[in-house]
Amino acid sequence: MEWTRSIVVDRRLPQVQEAVADEHRLVEWSAWPDATGYRCAIDGDGRSLGSAIVFRDGAGAEKGRQRLAAVEPGRVSYRLRNEGPGGRVMTPEVDFRLEPVDGTRTRVHLDFRATAPLPPGVRQLVERLMGRRIRRLHDEDLERLKAHVEQAPARRD
């Protein structure tokens, strides 16, 4: 599975990047905890490379991690390790690319890549079904990011 989803946020790039690169803020706006029912905790300071959002089910079992892999001007990368279909491990990659539109707005691109750990044929079917749900959640993530950042006071960065 591979795609890019995009949205324009009415805030300057540094303010948007801060909301994406700070895992404490990310869990405030992300659609995934609500959609999965998982509890999220931060392992590390939530801002340094290697920090991770840990996903746990209702019984407290770890179901996945979203590790902060890179923060560069205009780019934030996360690498995940999650239980996929049938308990198999999946390792999705999520990159946020940020580009200024003008002096007050930022275009956010969410790039997603993942391969279901299944044999060909079955993999394509599962990815098609999973892809619909994941794309919808990515669209919701971007809408929630936009709302979260735009509700915060504008800053001069």
C-alpha atoms as a PDB file:
ATOM      1  CA  MET A   1       0.000   0.000   0.000  1.00  0.00           C
ATOM      2  CA  GLU A   2       1.296   3.422  -0.804  1.00  0.00           C
ATOM      3  CA  TRP A   3      -0.361   6.828  -1.090  1.00  0.00           C
ATOM      4  CA  THR A   4      -0.176  10.506  -0.287  1.00  0.00           C
ATOM      5  CA  ARG A   5      -2.963  12.549   1.299  1.00  0.00           C
ATOM      6  CA  SER A   6      -2.707  16.351   1.549  1.00  0.00           C
ATOM      7  CA  ILE A   7      -4.346  19.339   3.213  1.00  0.00           C
ATOM      8  CA  VAL A   8      -3.680  23.069   3.622  1.00  0.00           C
ATOM      9  CA  VAL A   9      -3.458  24.368   7.195  1.00  0.00           C
ATOM     10  CA  ASP A  10      -3.956  28.061   7.915  1.00  0.00           C
ATOM     11  CA  ARG A  11      -0.787  28.395   9.992  1.00  0.00           C
ATOM     12  CA  ARG A  12       2.898  28.911   9.299  1.00  0.00           C
ATOM     13  CA  LEU A  13       5.116  25.852   8.755  1.00  0.00           C
ATOM     14  CA  PRO A  14       6.966  25.928  12.135  1.00  0.00           C
ATOM     15  CA  GLN A  15       3.685  25.847  14.063  1.00  0.00           C
ATOM     16  CA  VAL A  16       2.370  22.937  11.979  1.00  0.00           C
ATOM     17  CA  GLN A  17       5.651  21.025  12.216  1.00  0.00           C
ATOM     18  CA  GLU A  18       5.641  21.381  15.999  1.00  0.00           C
ATOM     19  CA  ALA A  19       2.196  19.739  16.200  1.00  0.00           C
ATOM     20  CA  VAL A  20       3.414  16.814  14.069  1.00  0.00           C
ATOM     21  CA  ALA A  21       6.897  16.327  15.581  1.00  0.00           C
ATOM     22  CA  ASP A  22       5.817  16.465  19.238  1.00  0.00           C
ATOM     23  CA  GLU A  23       4.294  13.086  20.092  1.00  0.00           C
ATOM     24  CA  HIS A  24       2.433  14.562  23.076  1.00  0.00           C
ATOM     25  CA  ARG A  25       0.629  16.925  20.710  1.00  0.00           C
ATOM     26  CA  LEU A  26       0.202  14.276  18.028  1.00  0.00           C
ATOM     27  CA  VAL A  27      -1.834  12.012  20.313  1.00  0.00           C
ATOM     28  CA  GLU A  28      -4.098  15.002  21.083  1.00  0.00           C
ATOM     29  CA  TRP A  29      -5.228  15.299  17.462  1.00  0.00           C
ATOM     30  CA  SER A  30      -4.674  11.840  15.951  1.00  0.00           C
ATOM     31  CA  ALA A  31      -7.732   9.823  14.903  1.00  0.00           C
ATOM     32  CA  TRP A  32      -6.027   6.485  15.618  1.00  0.00           C
ATOM     33  CA  PRO A  33      -6.560   6.125  19.384  1.00  0.00           C
ATOM     34  CA  ASP A  34     -10.311   6.661  18.965  1.00  0.00           C
ATOM     35  CA  ALA A  35     -10.503   4.381  15.917  1.00  0.00           C
ATOM     36  CA  THR A  36      -8.563   1.510  17.500  1.00  0.00           C
ATOM     37  CA  GLY A  37      -9.609   1.899  21.121  1.00  0.00           C
ATOM     38  CA  TYR A  38      -5.934   1.684  22.128  1.00  0.00           C
ATOM     39  CA  ARG A  39      -4.460   3.710  24.954  1.00  0.00           C
ATOM     40  CA  CYS A  40      -1.369   5.710  24.038  1.00  0.00           C
ATOM     41  CA  ALA A  41       1.680   6.433  26.155  1.00  0.00           C
ATOM     42  CA  ILE A  42       4.906   8.164  25.220  1.00  0.00           C
ATOM     43  CA  ASP A  43       8.168   6.234  25.628  1.00  0.00           C
ATOM     44  CA  GLY A  44      10.896   8.892  25.865  1.00  0.00           C
ATOM     45  CA  ASP A  45      10.456  12.650  25.875  1.00  0.00           C
ATOM     46  CA  GLY A  46       8.170  12.655  22.812  1.00  0.00           C
ATOM     47  CA  ARG A  47      10.383  15.077  20.890  1.00  0.00           C
ATOM     48  CA  SER A  48      13.716  13.307  20.459  1.00  0.00           C
ATOM     49  CA  LEU A  49      14.532  10.781  17.754  1.00  0.00           C
ATOM     50  CA  GLY A  50      13.741   7.298  19.017  1.00  0.00           C
ATOM     51  CA  SER A  51      10.888   8.446  21.246  1.00  0.00           C
ATOM     52  CA  ALA A  52       7.765   6.444  20.542  1.00  0.00           C
ATOM     53  CA  ILE A  53       4.043   6.411  20.990  1.00  0.00           C
ATOM     54  CA  VAL A  54       3.163   3.018  22.488  1.00  0.00           C
ATOM     55  CA  PHE A  55      -0.278   1.591  21.691  1.00  0.00           C
ATOM     56  CA  ARG A  56      -1.856  -0.741  24.284  1.00  0.00           C
ATOM     57  CA  ASP A  57      -5.149  -2.593  24.227  1.00  0.00           C
ATOM     58  CA  GLY A  58      -7.649  -2.580  27.095  1.00  0.00           C
ATOM     59  CA  ALA A  59      -5.768  -5.397  28.864  1.00  0.00           C
ATOM     60  CA  GLY A  60      -2.507  -3.414  28.702  1.00  0.00           C
ATOM     61  CA  ALA A  61      -0.840  -5.555  26.023  1.00  0.00           C
ATOM     62  CA  GLU A  62       1.417  -3.618  23.673  1.00  0.00           C
ATOM     63  CA  LYS A  63      -0.025  -3.659  20.154  1.00  0.00           C
ATOM     64  CA  GLY A  64       2.354  -1.300  18.423  1.00  0.00           C
ATOM     65  CA  ARG A  65       4.848   1.550  18.469  1.00  0.00           C
ATOM     66  CA  GLN A  66       5.171   4.679  16.397  1.00  0.00           C
ATOM     67  CA  ARG A  67       8.813   5.797  16.620  1.00  0.00           C
ATOM     68  CA  LEU A  68       9.978   9.310  15.759  1.00  0.00           C
ATOM     69  CA  ALA A  69      12.588   8.537  13.103  1.00  0.00           C
ATOM     70  CA  ALA A  70      13.519  11.933  11.615  1.00  0.00           C
ATOM     71  CA  VAL A  71      12.798  15.617  12.037  1.00  0.00           C
ATOM     72  CA  GLU A  72      14.173  17.927   9.382  1.00  0.00           C
ATOM     73  CA  PRO A  73      13.022  21.303   8.115  1.00  0.00           C
ATOM     74  CA  GLY A  74       9.696  20.592   6.416  1.00  0.00           C
ATOM     75  CA  ARG A  75       9.708  16.855   7.161  1.00  0.00           C
ATOM     76  CA  VAL A  76       8.793  14.551  10.061  1.00  0.00           C
ATOM     77  CA  SER A  77       9.125  10.773   9.717  1.00  0.00           C
ATOM     78  CA  TYR A  78       7.613   8.022  11.819  1.00  0.00           C
ATOM     79  CA  ARG A  79       8.330   4.293  11.632  1.00  0.00           C
ATOM     80  CA  LEU A  80       5.802   1.913  13.084  1.00  0.00           C
ATOM     81  CA  ARG A  81       5.829  -1.653  14.289  1.00  0.00           C
ATOM     82  CA  ASN A  82       2.303  -2.974  14.761  1.00  0.00           C
ATOM     83  CA  GLU A  83       0.377  -6.193  14.947  1.00  0.00           C
ATOM     84  CA  GLY A  84      -1.200  -6.690  11.556  1.00  0.00           C
ATOM     85  CA  PRO A  85      -3.550  -9.330  10.152  1.00  0.00           C
ATOM     86  CA  GLY A  86      -3.507 -12.523  12.199  1.00  0.00           C
ATOM     87  CA  GLY A  87      -1.033 -11.040  14.689  1.00  0.00           C
ATOM     88  CA  ARG A  88       1.664 -10.692  12.030  1.00  0.00           C
ATOM     89  CA  VAL A  89       4.046  -7.766  12.451  1.00  0.00           C
ATOM     90  CA  MET A  90       3.646  -4.836  10.061  1.00  0.00           C
ATOM     91  CA  THR A  91       6.153  -2.010   9.702  1.00  0.00           C
ATOM     92  CA  PRO A  92       4.369   0.965   8.103  1.00  0.00           C
ATOM     93  CA  GLU A  93       6.179   4.201   7.303  1.00  0.00           C
ATOM     94  CA  VAL A  94       4.506   7.598   7.685  1.00  0.00           C
ATOM     95  CA  ASP A  95       6.194  10.784   6.529  1.00  0.00           C
ATOM     96  CA  PHE A  96       4.765  14.265   6.895  1.00  0.00           C
ATOM     97  CA  ARG A  97       6.106  16.683   4.290  1.00  0.00           C
ATOM     98  CA  LEU A  98       5.384  20.348   4.939  1.00  0.00           C
ATOM     99  CA  GLU A  99       5.693  23.188   2.460  1.00  0.00           C
ATOM    100  CA  PRO A 100       4.784  26.840   2.829  1.00  0.00           C
ATOM    101  CA  VAL A 101       1.925  27.962   0.592  1.00  0.00           C
ATOM    102  CA  ASP A 102       2.367  31.631   1.430  1.00  0.00           C
ATOM    103  CA  GLY A 103       3.276  33.606   4.527  1.00  0.00           C
ATOM    104  CA  THR A 104       0.460  32.167   6.635  1.00  0.00           C
ATOM    105  CA  ARG A 105      -0.471  28.727   5.257  1.00  0.00           C
ATOM    106  CA  THR A 106       1.238  25.330   5.049  1.00  0.00           C
ATOM    107  CA  ARG A 107       0.496  22.387   2.780  1.00  0.00           C
ATOM    108  CA  VAL A 108       0.842  19.084   4.659  1.00  0.00           C
ATOM    109  CA  HIS A 109       1.426  15.859   2.729  1.00  0.00           C
ATOM    110  CA  LEU A 110       1.034  12.565   4.597  1.00  0.00           C
ATOM    111  CA  ASP A 111       2.993   9.853   2.737  1.00  0.00           C
ATOM    112  CA  PHE A 112       2.154   6.279   3.742  1.00  0.00           C
ATOM    113  CA  ARG A 113       3.875   3.008   2.821  1.00  0.00           C
ATOM    114  CA  ALA A 114       3.193  -0.486   4.145  1.00  0.00           C
ATOM    115  CA  THR A 115       3.146  -4.072   2.981  1.00  0.00           C
ATOM    116  CA  ALA A 116       0.892  -6.609   4.680  1.00  0.00           C
ATOM    117  CA  PRO A 117       3.004  -9.620   5.725  1.00  0.00           C
ATOM    118  CA  LEU A 118       0.988 -12.110   3.690  1.00  0.00           C
ATOM    119  CA  PRO A 119       1.545 -14.209   0.576  1.00  0.00           C
ATOM    120  CA  PRO A 120       0.825 -12.565  -2.809  1.00  0.00           C
ATOM    121  CA  GLY A 121      -2.827 -12.715  -3.786  1.00  0.00           C
ATOM    122  CA  VAL A 122      -4.028 -12.724  -0.195  1.00  0.00           C
ATOM    123  CA  ARG A 123      -1.826  -9.669   0.474  1.00  0.00           C
ATOM    124  CA  GLN A 124      -3.432  -7.686  -2.364  1.00  0.00           C
ATOM    125  CA  LEU A 125      -6.935  -8.509  -1.142  1.00  0.00           C
ATOM    126  CA  VAL A 126      -6.164  -7.646   2.489  1.00  0.00           C
ATOM    127  CA  GLU A 127      -4.342  -4.448   1.480  1.00  0.00           C
ATOM    128  CA  ARG A 128      -7.292  -3.349  -0.650  1.00  0.00           C
ATOM    129  CA  LEU A 129      -9.674  -3.821   2.278  1.00  0.00           C
ATOM    130  CA  MET A 130      -7.301  -2.351   4.886  1.00  0.00           C
ATOM    131  CA  GLY A 131      -6.330   0.480   2.552  1.00  0.00           C
ATOM    132  CA  ARG A 132      -9.851   1.905   2.441  1.00  0.00           C
ATOM    133  CA  ARG A 133     -10.027   2.170   6.221  1.00  0.00           C
ATOM    134  CA  ILE A 134      -6.471   3.467   6.618  1.00  0.00           C
ATOM    135  CA  ARG A 135      -6.937   6.145   3.910  1.00  0.00           C
ATOM    136  CA  ARG A 136     -10.115   7.345   5.656  1.00  0.00           C
ATOM    137  CA  LEU A 137      -8.235   7.537   8.955  1.00  0.00           C
ATOM    138  CA  HIS A 138      -5.384   9.449   7.300  1.00  0.00           C
ATOM    139  CA  ASP A 139      -7.904  11.926   5.881  1.00  0.00           C
ATOM    140  CA  GLU A 140      -9.428  12.287   9.350  1.00  0.00           C
ATOM    141  CA  ASP A 141      -5.932  12.690  10.849  1.00  0.00           C
ATOM    142  CA  LEU A 142      -5.199  15.585   8.498  1.00  0.00           C
ATOM    143  CA  GLU A 143      -8.549  17.247   9.236  1.00  0.00           C
ATOM    144  CA  ARG A 144      -7.935  16.890  12.969  1.00  0.00           C
ATOM    145  CA  LEU A 145      -4.363  18.233  12.623  1.00  0.00           C
ATOM    146  CA  LYS A 146      -5.754  21.243  10.744  1.00  0.00           C
ATOM    147  CA  ALA A 147      -8.389  21.906  13.427  1.00  0.00           C
ATOM    148  CA  HIS A 148      -5.874  21.417  16.252  1.00  0.00           C
ATOM    149  CA  VAL A 149      -3.296  23.816  14.832  1.00  0.00           C
ATOM    150  CA  GLU A 150      -5.789  26.418  13.626  1.00  0.00           C
ATOM    151  CA  GLN A 151      -7.433  26.559  17.073  1.00  0.00           C
ATOM    152  CA  ALA A 152      -4.084  27.503  18.626  1.00  0.00           C
ATOM    153  CA  PRO A 153      -3.147  31.203  18.557  1.00  0.00           C
ATOM    154  CA  ALA A 154      -1.162  32.184  15.463  1.00  0.00           C
ATOM    155  CA  ARG A 155       2.497  32.892  16.185  1.00  0.00           C
ATOM    156  CA  ARG A 156       5.274  34.794  14.452  1.00  0.00           C
ATOM    157  CA  ASP A 157       7.913  32.089  13.972  1.00  0.00           C
END
